[in-house]
C-alpha atoms as a PDB file:
ATOM      1  CA  MET A   1      -1.579  -2.822  -2.935  1.00  0.00           C
ATOM      2  CA  ARG A   2      -4.577  -2.600  -5.279  1.00  0.00           C
ATOM      3  CA  ARG A   3      -5.865  -5.438  -7.476  1.00  0.00           C
ATOM      4  CA  ALA A   4      -6.420  -5.538 -11.335  1.00  0.00           C
ATOM      5  CA  ALA A   5      -3.878  -6.424 -14.151  1.00  0.00           C
ATOM      6  CA  VAL A   6      -0.375  -5.421 -16.291  1.00  0.00           C
ATOM      7  CA  ALA A   7       3.346  -3.162 -15.619  1.00  0.00           C
ATOM      8  CA  LEU A   8       5.423   0.408 -14.212  1.00  0.00           C
ATOM      9  CA  ALA A   9       9.149  -0.007 -14.020  1.00  0.00           C
ATOM     10  CA  VAL A  10      11.182   2.316 -11.858  1.00  0.00           C
ATOM     11  CA  LEU A  11      14.820   1.376 -11.441  1.00  0.00           C
ATOM     12  CA  LEU A  12      17.067   2.806  -8.772  1.00  0.00           C
ATOM     13  CA  ALA A  13      20.085   2.904 -11.062  1.00  0.00           C
ATOM     14  CA  SER A  14      23.701   4.111 -10.901  1.00  0.00           C
ATOM     15  CA  PRO A  15      24.650   7.091  -8.731  1.00  0.00           C
ATOM     16  CA  SER A  16      26.308   8.765 -11.707  1.00  0.00           C
ATOM     17  CA  ALA A  17      23.099   9.068 -13.771  1.00  0.00           C
ATOM     18  CA  PRO A  18      22.001  12.684 -14.468  1.00  0.00           C
ATOM     19  CA  ALA A  19      18.787  13.975 -13.075  1.00  0.00           C
ATOM     20  CA  ALA A  20      15.648  13.362 -15.225  1.00  0.00           C
ATOM     21  CA  THR A  21      17.702  12.531 -18.341  1.00  0.00           C
ATOM     22  CA  PRO A  22      16.027  10.355 -21.017  1.00  0.00           C
ATOM     23  CA  VAL A  23      18.152   7.269 -21.691  1.00  0.00           C
ATOM     24  CA  ASP A  24      16.995   4.545 -24.142  1.00  0.00           C
ATOM     25  CA  ASP A  25      13.448   5.900 -23.932  1.00  0.00           C
ATOM     26  CA  ALA A  26      13.612   5.809 -20.129  1.00  0.00           C
ATOM     27  CA  ARG A  27      14.197   8.497 -17.556  1.00  0.00           C
ATOM     28  CA  LEU A  28      16.781   8.565 -14.785  1.00  0.00           C
ATOM     29  CA  VAL A  29      15.920  10.644 -11.721  1.00  0.00           C
ATOM     30  CA  GLN A  30      18.838  11.428  -9.418  1.00  0.00           C
ATOM     31  CA  ALA A  31      18.422  11.745  -5.604  1.00  0.00           C
ATOM     32  CA  GLY A  32      21.642  12.018  -3.658  1.00  0.00           C
ATOM     33  CA  ASP A  33      23.722   8.877  -4.296  1.00  0.00           C
ATOM     34  CA  THR A  34      20.820   6.904  -5.800  1.00  0.00           C
ATOM     35  CA  ALA A  35      18.887   7.244  -9.043  1.00  0.00           C
ATOM     36  CA  LEU A  36      15.472   6.110 -10.227  1.00  0.00           C
ATOM     37  CA  ARG A  37      14.921   4.784 -13.723  1.00  0.00           C
ATOM     38  CA  ILE A  38      11.373   5.125 -15.034  1.00  0.00           C
ATOM     39  CA  GLU A  39      10.172   3.006 -18.020  1.00  0.00           C
ATOM     40  CA  ILE A  40       6.799   2.769 -19.661  1.00  0.00           C
ATOM     41  CA  ASP A  41       5.405  -0.241 -21.532  1.00  0.00           C
ATOM     42  CA  GLY A  42       3.123  -0.117 -24.575  1.00  0.00           C
ATOM     43  CA  VAL A  43       2.444   3.656 -24.841  1.00  0.00           C
ATOM     44  CA  ALA A  44       3.318   5.050 -28.278  1.00  0.00           C
ATOM     45  CA  ASP A  45       2.195   8.637 -27.910  1.00  0.00           C
ATOM     46  CA  PRO A  46       5.262  10.730 -26.874  1.00  0.00           C
ATOM     47  CA  ALA A  47       3.162  13.337 -25.041  1.00  0.00           C
ATOM     48  CA  ARG A  48       1.373  10.600 -23.073  1.00  0.00           C
ATOM     49  CA  ARG A  49       4.652   8.906 -22.228  1.00  0.00           C
ATOM     50  CA  ALA A  50       6.133  12.199 -21.027  1.00  0.00           C
ATOM     51  CA  MET A  51       3.076  12.912 -18.835  1.00  0.00           C
ATOM     52  CA  LEU A  52       3.281   9.428 -17.203  1.00  0.00           C
ATOM     53  CA  MET A  53       7.003   9.888 -16.564  1.00  0.00           C
ATOM     54  CA  ASP A  54       6.417  13.305 -15.038  1.00  0.00           C
ATOM     55  CA  TRP A  55       3.749  11.870 -12.777  1.00  0.00           C
ATOM     56  CA  ALA A  56       5.887   8.892 -11.698  1.00  0.00           C
ATOM     57  CA  GLU A  57       8.859  11.173 -11.057  1.00  0.00           C
ATOM     58  CA  GLU A  58       6.784  13.454  -8.864  1.00  0.00           C
ATOM     59  CA  ALA A  59       5.420  10.481  -6.845  1.00  0.00           C
ATOM     60  CA  ALA A  60       8.933   9.029  -6.474  1.00  0.00           C
ATOM     61  CA  ARG A  61      10.406  12.310  -5.347  1.00  0.00           C
ATOM     62  CA  ALA A  62       7.782  12.412  -2.576  1.00  0.00           C
ATOM     63  CA  THR A  63       9.572   9.428  -0.995  1.00  0.00           C
ATOM     64  CA  VAL A  64      13.053  10.970  -0.894  1.00  0.00           C
ATOM     65  CA  LEU A  65      14.445  10.590   2.622  1.00  0.00           C
ATOM     66  CA  PRO A  66      15.584  13.551   4.841  1.00  0.00           C
ATOM     67  CA  SER A  67      19.217  12.936   3.728  1.00  0.00           C
ATOM     68  CA  GLY A  68      18.168  13.576   0.124  1.00  0.00           C
ATOM     69  CA  ARG A  69      18.292  10.027  -1.315  1.00  0.00           C
ATOM     70  CA  PHE A  70      15.884   7.223  -2.235  1.00  0.00           C
ATOM     71  CA  PRO A  71      15.729   4.364   0.263  1.00  0.00           C
ATOM     72  CA  LEU A  72      17.317   1.731  -2.016  1.00  0.00           C
ATOM     73  CA  THR A  73      20.406   1.901  -4.183  1.00  0.00           C
ATOM     74  CA  SER A  74      18.979  -0.681  -6.588  1.00  0.00           C
ATOM     75  CA  ALA A  75      15.388  -1.383  -7.614  1.00  0.00           C
ATOM     76  CA  ARG A  76      13.248  -1.819 -10.770  1.00  0.00           C
ATOM     77  CA  VAL A  77       9.923  -0.197 -11.678  1.00  0.00           C
ATOM     78  CA  ARG A  78       7.542  -0.194 -14.691  1.00  0.00           C
ATOM     79  CA  ILE A  79       4.366   1.646 -15.749  1.00  0.00           C
ATOM     80  CA  ALA A  80       1.804   0.022 -18.051  1.00  0.00           C
ATOM     81  CA  GLU A  81      -1.642   1.124 -19.199  1.00  0.00           C
ATOM     82  CA  ILE A  82      -4.662  -1.156 -18.868  1.00  0.00           C
ATOM     83  CA  ASP A  83      -8.389  -1.242 -19.489  1.00  0.00           C
ATOM     84  CA  SER A  84     -10.193  -1.796 -16.170  1.00  0.00           C
ATOM     85  CA  ARG A  85     -13.691  -1.754 -14.747  1.00  0.00           C
ATOM     86  CA  ASP A  86     -12.123  -0.265 -11.610  1.00  0.00           C
ATOM     87  CA  PRO A  87     -12.741   3.490 -11.811  1.00  0.00           C
ATOM     88  CA  SER A  88      -9.507   4.273  -9.975  1.00  0.00           C
ATOM     89  CA  PRO A  89      -6.831   6.092 -12.039  1.00  0.00           C
ATOM     90  CA  VAL A  90      -4.329   3.444 -10.834  1.00  0.00           C
ATOM     91  CA  PRO A  91      -6.360   0.224 -10.374  1.00  0.00           C
ATOM     92  CA  TRP A  92      -3.389  -1.794  -9.253  1.00  0.00           C
ATOM     93  CA  GLY A  93       0.078  -1.350  -7.836  1.00  0.00           C
ATOM     94  CA  GLN A  94       2.536  -3.929  -6.519  1.00  0.00           C
ATOM     95  CA  THR A  95       6.061  -4.054  -5.132  1.00  0.00           C
ATOM     96  CA  ARG A  96       7.840  -7.335  -6.020  1.00  0.00           C
ATOM     97  CA  ARG A  97      11.050  -8.725  -4.504  1.00  0.00           C
ATOM     98  CA  ASP A  98      12.512 -11.480  -6.617  1.00  0.00           C
ATOM     99  CA  ASP A  99      16.128 -11.199  -7.697  1.00  0.00           C
ATOM    100  CA  ASP A 100      15.757  -7.464  -7.381  1.00  0.00           C
ATOM    101  CA  VAL A 101      13.042  -5.020  -6.274  1.00  0.00           C
ATOM    102  CA  ALA A 102      10.365  -3.968  -8.740  1.00  0.00           C
ATOM    103  CA  VAL A 103       7.518  -1.438  -8.412  1.00  0.00           C
ATOM    104  CA  LEU A 104       4.681  -2.138 -10.847  1.00  0.00           C
ATOM    105  CA  LEU A 105       1.996   0.495 -11.518  1.00  0.00           C
ATOM    106  CA  PHE A 106      -1.008  -0.168 -13.763  1.00  0.00           C
ATOM    107  CA  VAL A 107      -2.737   2.955 -15.046  1.00  0.00           C
ATOM    108  CA  ARG A 108      -6.146   3.349 -16.702  1.00  0.00           C
ATOM    109  CA  ARG A 109      -5.696   4.398 -20.338  1.00  0.00           C
ATOM    110  CA  GLU A 110      -7.895   7.421 -20.013  1.00  0.00           C
ATOM    111  CA  ALA A 111      -6.527   8.661 -16.649  1.00  0.00           C
ATOM    112  CA  ASP A 112      -5.238  12.242 -17.011  1.00  0.00           C
ATOM    113  CA  ARG A 113      -2.498  13.951 -15.017  1.00  0.00           C
ATOM    114  CA  ALA A 114      -4.880  15.559 -12.515  1.00  0.00           C
ATOM    115  CA  ALA A 115      -6.517  12.231 -11.697  1.00  0.00           C
ATOM    116  CA  LEU A 116      -3.147  10.468 -11.353  1.00  0.00           C
ATOM    117  CA  ARG A 117      -1.803  13.169  -9.032  1.00  0.00           C
ATOM    118  CA  ALA A 118      -4.890  12.813  -6.844  1.00  0.00           C
ATOM    119  CA  ASP A 119      -4.437   9.040  -6.511  1.00  0.00           C
ATOM    120  CA  TRP A 120      -2.400   7.559  -3.593  1.00  0.00           C
ATOM    121  CA  THR A 121      -1.288   4.245  -5.159  1.00  0.00           C
ATOM    122  CA  ALA A 122       2.096   5.312  -6.568  1.00  0.00           C
ATOM    123  CA  VAL A 123       3.332   6.882  -3.332  1.00  0.00           C
ATOM    124  CA  HIS A 124       2.027   3.874  -1.394  1.00  0.00           C
ATOM    125  CA  GLU A 125       4.083   1.475  -3.521  1.00  0.00           C
ATOM    126  CA  PHE A 126       7.199   3.666  -3.525  1.00  0.00           C
ATOM    127  CA  ALA A 127       6.916   3.815   0.312  1.00  0.00           C
ATOM    128  CA  HIS A 128       7.378  -0.004   0.381  1.00  0.00           C
ATOM    129  CA  LEU A 129      10.971   0.515  -0.815  1.00  0.00           C
ATOM    130  CA  ALA A 130      11.857   1.726   2.731  1.00  0.00           C
ATOM    131  CA  HIS A 131      11.460  -1.709   4.320  1.00  0.00           C
ATOM    132  CA  PRO A 132      12.641  -5.302   3.553  1.00  0.00           C
ATOM    133  CA  PHE A 133      10.289  -8.226   2.796  1.00  0.00           C
ATOM    134  CA  LEU A 134       8.652  -9.057   6.163  1.00  0.00           C
ATOM    135  CA  GLY A 135       6.524 -12.073   5.295  1.00  0.00           C
ATOM    136  CA  ASP A 136       2.928 -12.771   6.265  1.00  0.00           C
ATOM    137  CA  ARG A 137       3.537 -12.239   9.998  1.00  0.00           C
ATOM    138  CA  GLY A 138       4.969  -8.770   9.230  1.00  0.00           C
ATOM    139  CA  ARG A 139       2.441  -7.852   6.561  1.00  0.00           C
ATOM    140  CA  TRP A 140       0.698  -5.505   8.937  1.00  0.00           C
ATOM    141  CA  LEU A 141       4.013  -3.659   9.519  1.00  0.00           C
ATOM    142  CA  ALA A 142       4.706  -3.365   5.755  1.00  0.00           C
ATOM    143  CA  GLU A 143       1.242  -2.352   4.634  1.00  0.00           C
ATOM    144  CA  GLY A 144       0.782  -0.172   7.693  1.00  0.00           C
ATOM    145  CA  LEU A 145       3.973   1.722   6.970  1.00  0.00           C
ATOM    146  CA  ALA A 146       2.982   2.313   3.309  1.00  0.00           C
ATOM    147  CA  SER A 147      -0.557   3.344   4.347  1.00  0.00           C
ATOM    148  CA  TYR A 148       0.751   5.866   6.901  1.00  0.00           C
ATOM    149  CA  GLN A 149       3.412   7.162   4.525  1.00  0.00           C
ATOM    150  CA  GLN A 150       1.070   7.524   1.500  1.00  0.00           C
ATOM    151  CA  ASN A 151      -0.730  10.276   3.404  1.00  0.00           C
ATOM    152  CA  VAL A 152       2.242  11.930   5.177  1.00  0.00           C
ATOM    153  CA  LEU A 153       4.488  11.954   2.084  1.00  0.00           C
ATOM    154  CA  ARG A 154       1.786  13.194  -0.282  1.00  0.00           C
ATOM    155  CA  ALA A 155       1.081  16.106   2.092  1.00  0.00           C
ATOM    156  CA  ARG A 156       4.795  16.916   2.301  1.00  0.00           C
ATOM    157  CA  ALA A 157       5.070  16.885  -1.515  1.00  0.00           C
ATOM    158  CA  GLY A 158       2.086  19.200  -1.978  1.00  0.00           C
ATOM    159  CA  LEU A 159       0.007  16.429  -3.610  1.00  0.00           C
ATOM    160  CA  THR A 160      -2.714  16.923  -0.968  1.00  0.00           C
ATOM    161  CA  THR A 161      -3.311  19.263   1.926  1.00  0.00           C
ATOM    162  CA  PRO A 162      -2.262  18.348   5.491  1.00  0.00           C
ATOM    163  CA  GLU A 163      -5.876  18.548   6.605  1.00  0.00           C
ATOM    164  CA  ASP A 164      -6.971  16.169   3.871  1.00  0.00           C
ATOM    165  CA  ALA A 165      -4.110  13.800   4.745  1.00  0.00           C
ATOM    166  CA  TRP A 166      -5.296  13.637   8.412  1.00  0.00           C
ATOM    167  CA  ARG A 167      -8.871  13.046   7.217  1.00  0.00           C
ATOM    168  CA  LYS A 168      -7.780  10.227   4.914  1.00  0.00           C
ATOM    169  CA  LEU A 169      -5.798   8.605   7.703  1.00  0.00           C
ATOM    170  CA  ASP A 170      -8.801   8.812   9.989  1.00  0.00           C
ATOM    171  CA  ALA A 171     -11.052   7.341   7.303  1.00  0.00           C
ATOM    172  CA  GLY A 172      -8.675   4.437   7.057  1.00  0.00           C
ATOM    173  CA  PHE A 173      -8.655   4.004  10.818  1.00  0.00           C
ATOM    174  CA  ARG A 174     -12.473   3.916  10.796  1.00  0.00           C
ATOM    175  CA  ARG A 175     -12.442   1.154   8.204  1.00  0.00           C
ATOM    176  CA  GLY A 176      -9.896  -0.785  10.260  1.00  0.00           C
ATOM    177  CA  GLU A 177     -11.932  -0.429  13.403  1.00  0.00           C
ATOM    178  CA  ALA A 178     -14.923  -2.024  11.663  1.00  0.00           C
ATOM    179  CA  ASN A 179     -13.002  -5.025  10.406  1.00  0.00           C
ATOM    180  CA  GLY A 180     -11.522  -8.266  11.692  1.00  0.00           C
ATOM    181  CA  ALA A 181     -11.596  -8.316  15.524  1.00  0.00           C
ATOM    182  CA  GLY A 182     -10.941 -11.600  17.321  1.00  0.00           C
ATOM    183  CA  THR A 183      -7.648 -12.753  15.761  1.00  0.00           C
ATOM    184  CA  THR A 184      -4.198 -11.438  16.659  1.00  0.00           C
ATOM    185  CA  LEU A 185      -2.874  -8.946  14.160  1.00  0.00           C
ATOM    186  CA  GLU A 186       0.201 -10.978  13.249  1.00  0.00           C
ATOM    187  CA  ARG A 187      -1.963 -14.059  12.482  1.00  0.00           C
ATOM    188  CA  LEU A 188      -4.325 -12.202  10.119  1.00  0.00           C
ATOM    189  CA  GLY A 189      -1.785 -12.406   7.296  1.00  0.00           C
ATOM    190  CA  ARG A 190      -3.795 -11.732   4.101  1.00  0.00           C
ATOM    191  CA  ARG A 191      -7.177 -11.761   5.817  1.00  0.00           C
ATOM    192  CA  SER A 192      -9.094  -8.768   7.176  1.00  0.00           C
ATOM    193  CA  THR A 193      -7.214  -6.367   4.903  1.00  0.00           C
ATOM    194  CA  MET A 194      -8.640  -3.181   6.396  1.00  0.00           C
ATOM    195  CA  ARG A 195      -7.504  -4.083   9.936  1.00  0.00           C
ATOM    196  CA  VAL A 196      -4.088  -5.219   8.690  1.00  0.00           C
ATOM    197  CA  TYR A 197      -3.457  -1.994   6.783  1.00  0.00           C
ATOM    198  CA  TRP A 198      -4.904   0.500   9.258  1.00  0.00           C
ATOM    199  CA  ALA A 199      -3.923  -1.066  12.576  1.00  0.00           C
ATOM    200  CA  GLY A 200      -0.463  -1.173  11.034  1.00  0.00           C
ATOM    201  CA  ALA A 201      -0.765   2.548  10.091  1.00  0.00           C
ATOM    202  CA  ALA A 202      -1.817   3.297  13.698  1.00  0.00           C
ATOM    203  CA  TYR A 203       1.422   1.599  14.929  1.00  0.00           C
ATOM    204  CA  TRP A 204       3.576   3.812  12.679  1.00  0.00           C
ATOM    205  CA  ARG A 205       1.644   6.992  13.631  1.00  0.00           C
ATOM    206  CA  GLU A 206       2.291   6.140  17.290  1.00  0.00           C
ATOM    207  CA  MET A 207       5.987   5.539  16.596  1.00  0.00           C
ATOM    208  CA  ASP A 208       6.285   8.904  14.794  1.00  0.00           C
ATOM    209  CA  LEU A 209       4.487  10.711  17.641  1.00  0.00           C
ATOM    210  CA  ARG A 210       6.567   9.101  20.402  1.00  0.00           C
ATOM    211  CA  LEU A 211       9.826   9.714  18.564  1.00  0.00           C
ATOM    212  CA  ARG A 212       8.945  13.392  18.125  1.00  0.00           C
ATOM    213  CA  ARG A 213       7.628  13.939  21.647  1.00  0.00           C
ATOM    214  CA  ASP A 214       9.999  11.826  23.731  1.00  0.00           C
ATOM    215  CA  HIS A 215      13.180  11.286  21.665  1.00  0.00           C
ATOM    216  CA  HIS A 216      13.716  14.484  19.608  1.00  0.00           C
ATOM    217  CA  GLY A 217      13.437  12.380  16.439  1.00  0.00           C
ATOM    218  CA  SER A 218      11.001  11.321  13.757  1.00  0.00           C
ATOM    219  CA  LEU A 219       9.966   8.238  11.838  1.00  0.00           C
ATOM    220  CA  GLN A 220      11.338   9.711   8.632  1.00  0.00           C
ATOM    221  CA  ALA A 221      14.753  10.213  10.202  1.00  0.00           C
ATOM    222  CA  VAL A 222      14.841   6.683  11.629  1.00  0.00           C
ATOM    223  CA  LEU A 223      13.883   5.177   8.285  1.00  0.00           C
ATOM    224  CA  ASP A 224      16.617   7.231   6.691  1.00  0.00           C
ATOM    225  CA  GLY A 225      19.200   5.886   9.145  1.00  0.00           C
ATOM    226  CA  TYR A 226      17.947   2.341   8.585  1.00  0.00           C
ATOM    227  CA  ALA A 227      18.180   2.720   4.797  1.00  0.00           C
ATOM    228  CA  ARG A 228      21.811   3.810   5.043  1.00  0.00           C
ATOM    229  CA  CYS A 229      22.972   1.196   7.537  1.00  0.00           C
ATOM    230  CA  CYS A 230      20.792  -1.901   7.103  1.00  0.00           C
ATOM    231  CA  LEU A 231      18.233  -1.983   4.305  1.00  0.00           C
ATOM    232  CA  ASP A 232      18.373  -4.830   1.803  1.00  0.00           C
ATOM    233  CA  GLY A 233      15.366  -4.666  -0.475  1.00  0.00           C
ATOM    234  CA  THR A 234      15.451  -8.357  -1.466  1.00  0.00           C
ATOM    235  CA  ALA A 235      16.170  -9.775   1.983  1.00  0.00           C
ATOM    236  CA  HIS A 236      13.501 -11.737   3.911  1.00  0.00           C
ATOM    237  CA  VAL A 237      13.728 -10.220   7.434  1.00  0.00           C
ATOM    238  CA  ALA A 238      11.752 -11.382  10.438  1.00  0.00           C
ATOM    239  CA  PRO A 239       9.538  -8.569  11.717  1.00  0.00           C
ATOM    240  CA  GLU A 240      11.158  -8.798  15.141  1.00  0.00           C
ATOM    241  CA  ASP A 241      14.554  -8.254  13.584  1.00  0.00           C
ATOM    242  CA  PHE A 242      13.319  -5.280  11.577  1.00  0.00           C
ATOM    243  CA  VAL A 243      11.874  -3.421  14.570  1.00  0.00           C
ATOM    244  CA  ALA A 244      14.998  -4.240  16.644  1.00  0.00           C
ATOM    245  CA  ALA A 245      17.166  -2.670  13.927  1.00  0.00           C
ATOM    246  CA  LEU A 246      14.985   0.445  13.972  1.00  0.00           C
ATOM    247  CA  ASP A 247      15.447   0.643  17.716  1.00  0.00           C
ATOM    248  CA  ARG A 248      19.232   0.441  17.272  1.00  0.00           C
ATOM    249  CA  VAL A 249      19.085   3.274  14.777  1.00  0.00           C
ATOM    250  CA  ALA A 250      16.826   5.381  17.037  1.00  0.00           C
ATOM    251  CA  GLY A 251      18.611   4.506  20.310  1.00  0.00           C
ATOM    252  CA  THR A 252      15.340   3.308  21.889  1.00  0.00           C
ATOM    253  CA  ASP A 253      13.410   0.179  22.774  1.00  0.00           C
ATOM    254  CA  LEU A 254      10.211   1.769  21.460  1.00  0.00           C
ATOM    255  CA  PHE A 255       9.690  -0.084  18.164  1.00  0.00           C
ATOM    256  CA  ALA A 256      10.179  -3.630  19.557  1.00  0.00           C
ATOM    257  CA  ARG A 257       8.201  -2.998  22.754  1.00  0.00           C
ATOM    258  CA  ARG A 258       5.137  -1.659  20.977  1.00  0.00           C
ATOM    259  CA  TYR A 259       5.516  -4.204  18.175  1.00  0.00           C
ATOM    260  CA  ARG A 260       4.853  -7.004  20.630  1.00  0.00           C
ATOM    261  CA  ASP A 261       1.692  -5.232  21.970  1.00  0.00           C
ATOM    262  CA  TYR A 262       0.265  -4.586  18.484  1.00  0.00           C
ATOM    263  CA  ALA A 263       1.140  -8.035  17.022  1.00  0.00           C
ATOM    264  CA  ALA A 264      -0.680  -9.774  19.906  1.00  0.00           C
ATOM    265  CA  ALA A 265      -3.739  -7.502  19.894  1.00  0.00           C
ATOM    266  CA  THR A 266      -7.083  -8.976  18.849  1.00  0.00           C
ATOM    267  CA  THR A 267      -8.845  -5.611  18.498  1.00  0.00           C
ATOM    268  CA  PHE A 268      -8.071  -2.355  16.778  1.00  0.00           C
ATOM    269  CA  PRO A 269      -5.646  -0.195  18.825  1.00  0.00           C
ATOM    270  CA  SER A 270      -6.875   2.866  20.706  1.00  0.00           C
ATOM    271  CA  LEU A 271      -6.219   6.148  18.899  1.00  0.00           C
ATOM    272  CA  ALA A 272      -7.146   8.375  21.886  1.00  0.00           C
ATOM    273  CA  ASP A 273      -3.679   9.341  23.138  1.00  0.00           C
ATOM    274  CA  GLY A 274      -2.391  10.101  19.656  1.00  0.00           C
ATOM    275  CA  ASP A 275      -5.503  12.101  18.702  1.00  0.00           C
ATOM    276  CA  ALA A 276      -5.195  14.131  21.888  1.00  0.00           C
ATOM    277  CA  ALA A 277      -1.550  14.902  21.270  1.00  0.00           C
ATOM    278  CA  LEU A 278      -2.337  15.985  17.695  1.00  0.00           C
ATOM    279  CA  GLY A 279      -5.393  18.017  18.727  1.00  0.00           C
ATOM    280  CA  ILE A 280      -7.638  15.937  16.486  1.00  0.00           C
ATOM    281  CA  ALA A 281     -11.238  15.089  17.387  1.00  0.00           C
ATOM    282  CA  ARG A 282     -13.858  13.234  15.403  1.00  0.00           C
ATOM    283  CA  ASP A 283     -16.881  15.235  14.421  1.00  0.00           C
ATOM    284  CA  GLY A 284     -19.431  12.917  12.776  1.00  0.00           C
ATOM    285  CA  ASP A 285     -17.754  11.662   9.633  1.00  0.00           C
ATOM    286  CA  GLY A 286     -15.136  14.362   9.721  1.00  0.00           C
ATOM    287  CA  LEU A 287     -12.443  15.821  12.043  1.00  0.00           C
ATOM    288  CA  ARG A 288     -11.988  18.974  14.106  1.00  0.00           C
ATOM    289  CA  PHE A 289      -8.465  20.400  14.603  1.00  0.00           C
ATOM    290  CA  SER A 290      -7.477  22.101  17.840  1.00  0.00           C
ATOM    291  CA  ASP A 291      -5.784  25.513  17.832  1.00  0.00           C
ATOM    292  CA  ASP A 292      -3.573  24.467  20.752  1.00  0.00           C
ATOM    293  CA  PRO A 293      -0.034  25.620  19.703  1.00  0.00           C
ATOM    294  CA  ALA A 294       1.736  22.390  20.752  1.00  0.00           C
ATOM    295  CA  ALA A 295      -0.779  20.193  18.910  1.00  0.00           C
ATOM    296  CA  ALA A 296      -0.733  22.413  15.811  1.00  0.00           C
ATOM    297  CA  ALA A 297       3.075  22.382  15.797  1.00  0.00           C
ATOM    298  CA  LEU A 298       3.151  18.567  16.009  1.00  0.00           C
ATOM    299  CA  ARG A 299       0.662  18.224  13.142  1.00  0.00           C
ATOM    300  CA  ALA A 300       2.720  20.673  11.040  1.00  0.00           C
ATOM    301  CA  ALA A 301       5.976  18.877  11.807  1.00  0.00           C
ATOM    302  CA  ILE A 302       4.548  15.518  10.661  1.00  0.00           C
ATOM    303  CA  MET A 303       2.945  16.773   7.477  1.00  0.00           C
ATOM    304  CA  GLY A 304       5.576  19.403   6.710  1.00  0.00           C
ATOM    305  CA  GLY A 305       9.147  19.812   8.042  1.00  0.00           C
ATOM    306  CA  ASP A 306      11.367  17.224   9.691  1.00  0.00           C
ATOM    307  CA  VAL A 307      14.266  16.838  12.031  1.00  0.00           C
ATOM    308  CA  ALA A 308      17.727  15.988  10.716  1.00  0.00           C
ATOM    309  CA  PRO A 309      18.378  12.297   9.876  1.00  0.00           C
ATOM    310  CA  VAL A 310      20.005  10.210  12.595  1.00  0.00           C
ATOM    311  CA  SER A 311      23.443   8.702  12.154  1.00  0.00           C
ATOM    312  CA  ALA A 312      23.756   6.030   9.448  1.00  0.00           C
ATOM    313  CA  ARG A 313      25.391   3.733  11.953  1.00  0.00           C
ATOM    314  CA  ALA A 314      22.916   1.743  14.017  1.00  0.00           C
ATOM    315  CA  ARG A 315      23.541   2.215  17.750  1.00  0.00           C
ATOM    316  CA  ARG A 316      24.369  -0.973  19.623  1.00  0.00           C
ATOM    317  CA  SER A 317      22.204  -0.732  22.713  1.00  0.00           C
ATOM    318  CA  PRO A 318      18.842   0.878  23.495  1.00  0.00           C
ATOM    319  CA  ARG A 319      18.417   3.661  26.029  1.00  0.00           C
END
């Protein structure tokens, strides 16, 4: 979540809504049995409104699950333009969970389509729709998931290249490594933001890798199964219960077991095993990518294709 000030409204509306149809000066975007309603505040120019709607729709479609639907069946979202000293095209985004779920995106008035497409904030906030409210103890899980997904999903949608997505992930990991050692991750809450976001992203990268290498699955497929069996966007769920539900969907004990290790850690997690599996090596401020076929295939699977979604029914016992 970025800081600044004002509103984007995207509503996951009724399943019967037609794809990308303007309704009462809004737009409904259909994805499977869910639909997204995009509204814009305070923008009079029709061409500008249409451009902002096109941008928001593209970012939202990046978060469609392997089964072809948005994570939630009901959520709200709004776009508003602001003046800001922050040079970012989208100085602030937020996902709120009051009586319903709302995604708010605040856009600089002069930001053009190219600048908005290059920005990660919208996909980050839409990625939050795939998990329930996890509280301060689970903030590292929530922000870590959105930080991992903002790169993976943007690469899959063609909003960035896979190589750039890996580099941006690594840049985040470097910021996390430099920040906030000495306190357990679950106790950091809203302190040491870089470690919270990027140690969390390291957890989800590890889950994705382990699911793909050891369980013939993927993080995207497990999140899809969770969305269809268990997700309540306004519920306050203990982080232990969230990861236990993911394990039931996946048929593993992986999420809960590694959750305990990460939550109790006082330093940034090691990336060595994951980097080796992906054929990624740091080279100064950049990365080198191995030509090893297995590593290249794993990188391509994460940033490109995906395995089929798991069953919508959560399994009752881990393997």
